Amino acid sequence: MKNTYFLLGLIGGTLVLASIYFQLSSMDLGRYPLGQYIVVDTALPAWWDVVAFPFIVGTSFLITAIRCFRVVPNRKATLLVLGVCFALAALLFVVNAPLGAYAAAPLLFLLIGNVRHAP
């Protein structure tokens, strides 16, 4: 079961790194100061779709994976955790299809695999 949480953390870390990359690649600090980017970007709905929501979902996956890796909950709790994470990935798919598909596909396989092996 620790492999499940390791993969969940890997998915979360990738989402966080992708959102950081999208933010950094869209800034030109030689032209505008960082404060202006923060004020202007957070007012745009596209910024929330591309940067903020994937960052929040990835961070929640990382926190969940670290917490569950230490505690290792039972099979029923693992299915609940994976179900909630899959629901978040499905919401991410609605907002940002490529990152949502990246997050949802492995979670679906993890969910199916854990359901098949449930007692």
C-alpha atoms as a PDB file:
ATOM      1  CA  MET A   1       0.000   0.000   0.000  1.00  0.00           C
ATOM      2  CA  LYS A   2       2.927   2.333   0.453  1.00  0.00           C
ATOM      3  CA  ASN A   3       3.478   2.185  -3.313  1.00  0.00           C
ATOM      4  CA  THR A   4      -0.006   3.662  -3.732  1.00  0.00           C
ATOM      5  CA  TYR A   5       0.887   6.659  -1.603  1.00  0.00           C
ATOM      6  CA  PHE A   6       4.280   7.007  -3.237  1.00  0.00           C
ATOM      7  CA  LEU A   7       2.575   7.266  -6.637  1.00  0.00           C
ATOM      8  CA  LEU A   8       0.030   9.735  -5.226  1.00  0.00           C
ATOM      9  CA  GLY A   9       2.909  11.890  -3.965  1.00  0.00           C
ATOM     10  CA  LEU A  10       4.645  11.622  -7.333  1.00  0.00           C
ATOM     11  CA  ILE A  11       1.495  12.814  -9.119  1.00  0.00           C
ATOM     12  CA  GLY A  12       1.113  15.677  -6.651  1.00  0.00           C
ATOM     13  CA  GLY A  13       4.740  16.725  -6.974  1.00  0.00           C
ATOM     14  CA  THR A  14       4.491  16.736 -10.745  1.00  0.00           C
ATOM     15  CA  LEU A  15       1.375  18.926 -10.618  1.00  0.00           C
ATOM     16  CA  VAL A  16       3.115  21.369  -8.290  1.00  0.00           C
ATOM     17  CA  LEU A  17       6.227  21.519 -10.482  1.00  0.00           C
ATOM     18  CA  ALA A  18       4.131  21.967 -13.644  1.00  0.00           C
ATOM     19  CA  SER A  19       2.208  24.880 -12.150  1.00  0.00           C
ATOM     20  CA  ILE A  20       5.445  26.500 -10.955  1.00  0.00           C
ATOM     21  CA  TYR A  21       6.914  26.061 -14.437  1.00  0.00           C
ATOM     22  CA  PHE A  22       3.838  27.639 -16.058  1.00  0.00           C
ATOM     23  CA  GLN A  23       4.060  30.615 -13.719  1.00  0.00           C
ATOM     24  CA  LEU A  24       7.788  31.168 -14.152  1.00  0.00           C
ATOM     25  CA  SER A  25       7.700  30.760 -17.925  1.00  0.00           C
ATOM     26  CA  SER A  26       4.976  33.389 -18.256  1.00  0.00           C
ATOM     27  CA  MET A  27       6.888  36.104 -16.351  1.00  0.00           C
ATOM     28  CA  ASP A  28       9.380  38.619 -17.692  1.00  0.00           C
ATOM     29  CA  LEU A  29      10.911  40.181 -14.596  1.00  0.00           C
ATOM     30  CA  GLY A  30      13.148  42.393 -16.696  1.00  0.00           C
ATOM     31  CA  ARG A  31      10.098  44.237 -17.987  1.00  0.00           C
ATOM     32  CA  TYR A  32       7.685  44.235 -15.024  1.00  0.00           C
ATOM     33  CA  PRO A  33       8.247  43.879 -11.262  1.00  0.00           C
ATOM     34  CA  LEU A  34       7.108  40.760  -9.428  1.00  0.00           C
ATOM     35  CA  GLY A  35       4.440  42.652  -7.470  1.00  0.00           C
ATOM     36  CA  GLN A  36       2.720  43.692 -10.673  1.00  0.00           C
ATOM     37  CA  TYR A  37       2.621  40.080 -11.886  1.00  0.00           C
ATOM     38  CA  ILE A  38       1.030  38.975  -8.636  1.00  0.00           C
ATOM     39  CA  VAL A  39      -1.651  41.654  -8.774  1.00  0.00           C
ATOM     40  CA  VAL A  40      -2.445  41.246 -12.476  1.00  0.00           C
ATOM     41  CA  ASP A  41      -2.187  37.454 -12.735  1.00  0.00           C
ATOM     42  CA  THR A  42      -4.378  36.634  -9.750  1.00  0.00           C
ATOM     43  CA  ALA A  43      -7.169  38.730 -11.248  1.00  0.00           C
ATOM     44  CA  LEU A  44      -7.248  36.601 -14.417  1.00  0.00           C
ATOM     45  CA  PRO A  45      -9.475  33.490 -14.446  1.00  0.00           C
ATOM     46  CA  ALA A  46      -7.010  31.755 -16.789  1.00  0.00           C
ATOM     47  CA  TRP A  47      -4.275  32.070 -14.155  1.00  0.00           C
ATOM     48  CA  TRP A  48      -6.451  30.219 -11.657  1.00  0.00           C
ATOM     49  CA  ASP A  49      -7.112  27.496 -14.259  1.00  0.00           C
ATOM     50  CA  VAL A  50      -3.478  26.997 -15.313  1.00  0.00           C
ATOM     51  CA  VAL A  51      -1.444  27.807 -12.199  1.00  0.00           C
ATOM     52  CA  ALA A  52      -3.425  28.055  -8.971  1.00  0.00           C
ATOM     53  CA  PHE A  53      -5.828  25.114  -9.112  1.00  0.00           C
ATOM     54  CA  PRO A  54      -3.185  22.565 -10.241  1.00  0.00           C
ATOM     55  CA  PHE A  55      -0.890  23.877  -7.504  1.00  0.00           C
ATOM     56  CA  ILE A  56      -3.589  23.491  -4.846  1.00  0.00           C
ATOM     57  CA  VAL A  57      -4.549  19.991  -6.035  1.00  0.00           C
ATOM     58  CA  GLY A  58      -0.901  18.900  -6.262  1.00  0.00           C
ATOM     59  CA  THR A  59      -0.149  20.231  -2.805  1.00  0.00           C
ATOM     60  CA  SER A  60      -3.164  18.419  -1.363  1.00  0.00           C
ATOM     61  CA  PHE A  61      -1.995  15.177  -3.036  1.00  0.00           C
ATOM     62  CA  LEU A  62       1.490  15.641  -1.556  1.00  0.00           C
ATOM     63  CA  ILE A  63       0.194  16.336   1.949  1.00  0.00           C
ATOM     64  CA  THR A  64      -2.179  13.369   1.766  1.00  0.00           C
ATOM     65  CA  ALA A  65       0.555  11.062   0.490  1.00  0.00           C
ATOM     66  CA  ILE A  66       3.015  12.079   3.198  1.00  0.00           C
ATOM     67  CA  ARG A  67       0.404  11.722   5.929  1.00  0.00           C
ATOM     68  CA  CYS A  68      -0.838   8.341   4.696  1.00  0.00           C
ATOM     69  CA  PHE A  69       2.698   7.083   4.066  1.00  0.00           C
ATOM     70  CA  ARG A  70       3.459   7.579   7.751  1.00  0.00           C
ATOM     71  CA  VAL A  71       0.178   6.212   9.121  1.00  0.00           C
ATOM     72  CA  VAL A  72      -0.741   3.632   6.405  1.00  0.00           C
ATOM     73  CA  PRO A  73      -4.529   3.494   6.813  1.00  0.00           C
ATOM     74  CA  ASN A  74      -6.566   0.326   6.268  1.00  0.00           C
ATOM     75  CA  ARG A  75      -7.920  -0.697   2.874  1.00  0.00           C
ATOM     76  CA  LYS A  76     -11.301   1.016   3.311  1.00  0.00           C
ATOM     77  CA  ALA A  77      -9.680   4.323   4.253  1.00  0.00           C
ATOM     78  CA  THR A  78      -7.275   3.974   1.326  1.00  0.00           C
ATOM     79  CA  LEU A  79     -10.203   3.592  -1.059  1.00  0.00           C
ATOM     80  CA  LEU A  80     -11.833   6.688   0.448  1.00  0.00           C
ATOM     81  CA  VAL A  81      -8.601   8.701   0.083  1.00  0.00           C
ATOM     82  CA  LEU A  82      -8.147   7.577  -3.524  1.00  0.00           C
ATOM     83  CA  GLY A  83     -11.798   8.334  -4.297  1.00  0.00           C
ATOM     84  CA  VAL A  84     -11.511  11.882  -2.973  1.00  0.00           C
ATOM     85  CA  CYS A  85      -8.235  12.401  -4.845  1.00  0.00           C
ATOM     86  CA  PHE A  86      -9.839  11.075  -8.034  1.00  0.00           C
ATOM     87  CA  ALA A  87     -12.737  13.522  -7.577  1.00  0.00           C
ATOM     88  CA  LEU A  88     -10.215  16.382  -7.266  1.00  0.00           C
ATOM     89  CA  ALA A  89      -8.424  15.141 -10.384  1.00  0.00           C
ATOM     90  CA  ALA A  90     -11.748  15.024 -12.239  1.00  0.00           C
ATOM     91  CA  LEU A  91     -12.412  18.643 -11.239  1.00  0.00           C
ATOM     92  CA  LEU A  92      -8.927  19.504 -12.440  1.00  0.00           C
ATOM     93  CA  PHE A  93      -9.756  17.772 -15.729  1.00  0.00           C
ATOM     94  CA  VAL A  94     -12.776  20.084 -16.126  1.00  0.00           C
ATOM     95  CA  VAL A  95     -10.601  23.147 -15.516  1.00  0.00           C
ATOM     96  CA  ASN A  96      -7.343  22.090 -17.188  1.00  0.00           C
ATOM     97  CA  ALA A  97      -7.748  18.992 -19.362  1.00  0.00           C
ATOM     98  CA  PRO A  98      -4.083  17.947 -19.890  1.00  0.00           C
ATOM     99  CA  LEU A  99      -3.075  18.167 -16.231  1.00  0.00           C
ATOM    100  CA  GLY A 100      -6.394  16.699 -15.129  1.00  0.00           C
ATOM    101  CA  ALA A 101      -5.976  13.724 -17.450  1.00  0.00           C
ATOM    102  CA  TYR A 102      -2.425  13.238 -16.183  1.00  0.00           C
ATOM    103  CA  ALA A 103      -3.686  13.164 -12.595  1.00  0.00           C
ATOM    104  CA  ALA A 104      -6.914  11.212 -13.150  1.00  0.00           C
ATOM    105  CA  ALA A 105      -5.622   8.311 -15.264  1.00  0.00           C
ATOM    106  CA  PRO A 106      -3.138   6.838 -12.755  1.00  0.00           C
ATOM    107  CA  LEU A 107      -5.545   7.490  -9.890  1.00  0.00           C
ATOM    108  CA  LEU A 108      -8.245   5.554 -11.710  1.00  0.00           C
ATOM    109  CA  PHE A 109      -5.879   2.601 -12.126  1.00  0.00           C
ATOM    110  CA  LEU A 110      -4.874   2.811  -8.460  1.00  0.00           C
ATOM    111  CA  LEU A 111      -8.512   2.942  -7.428  1.00  0.00           C
ATOM    112  CA  ILE A 112      -9.467  -0.038  -9.599  1.00  0.00           C
ATOM    113  CA  GLY A 113      -6.435  -2.009  -8.423  1.00  0.00           C
ATOM    114  CA  ASN A 114      -7.245  -1.409  -4.763  1.00  0.00           C
ATOM    115  CA  VAL A 115     -10.923  -2.280  -5.262  1.00  0.00           C
ATOM    116  CA  ARG A 116      -9.996  -5.562  -6.967  1.00  0.00           C
ATOM    117  CA  HIS A 117      -7.707  -6.556  -4.107  1.00  0.00           C
ATOM    118  CA  ALA A 118     -10.065  -5.461  -1.335  1.00  0.00           C
ATOM    119  CA  PRO A 119     -11.108  -8.265   1.041  1.00  0.00           C
END
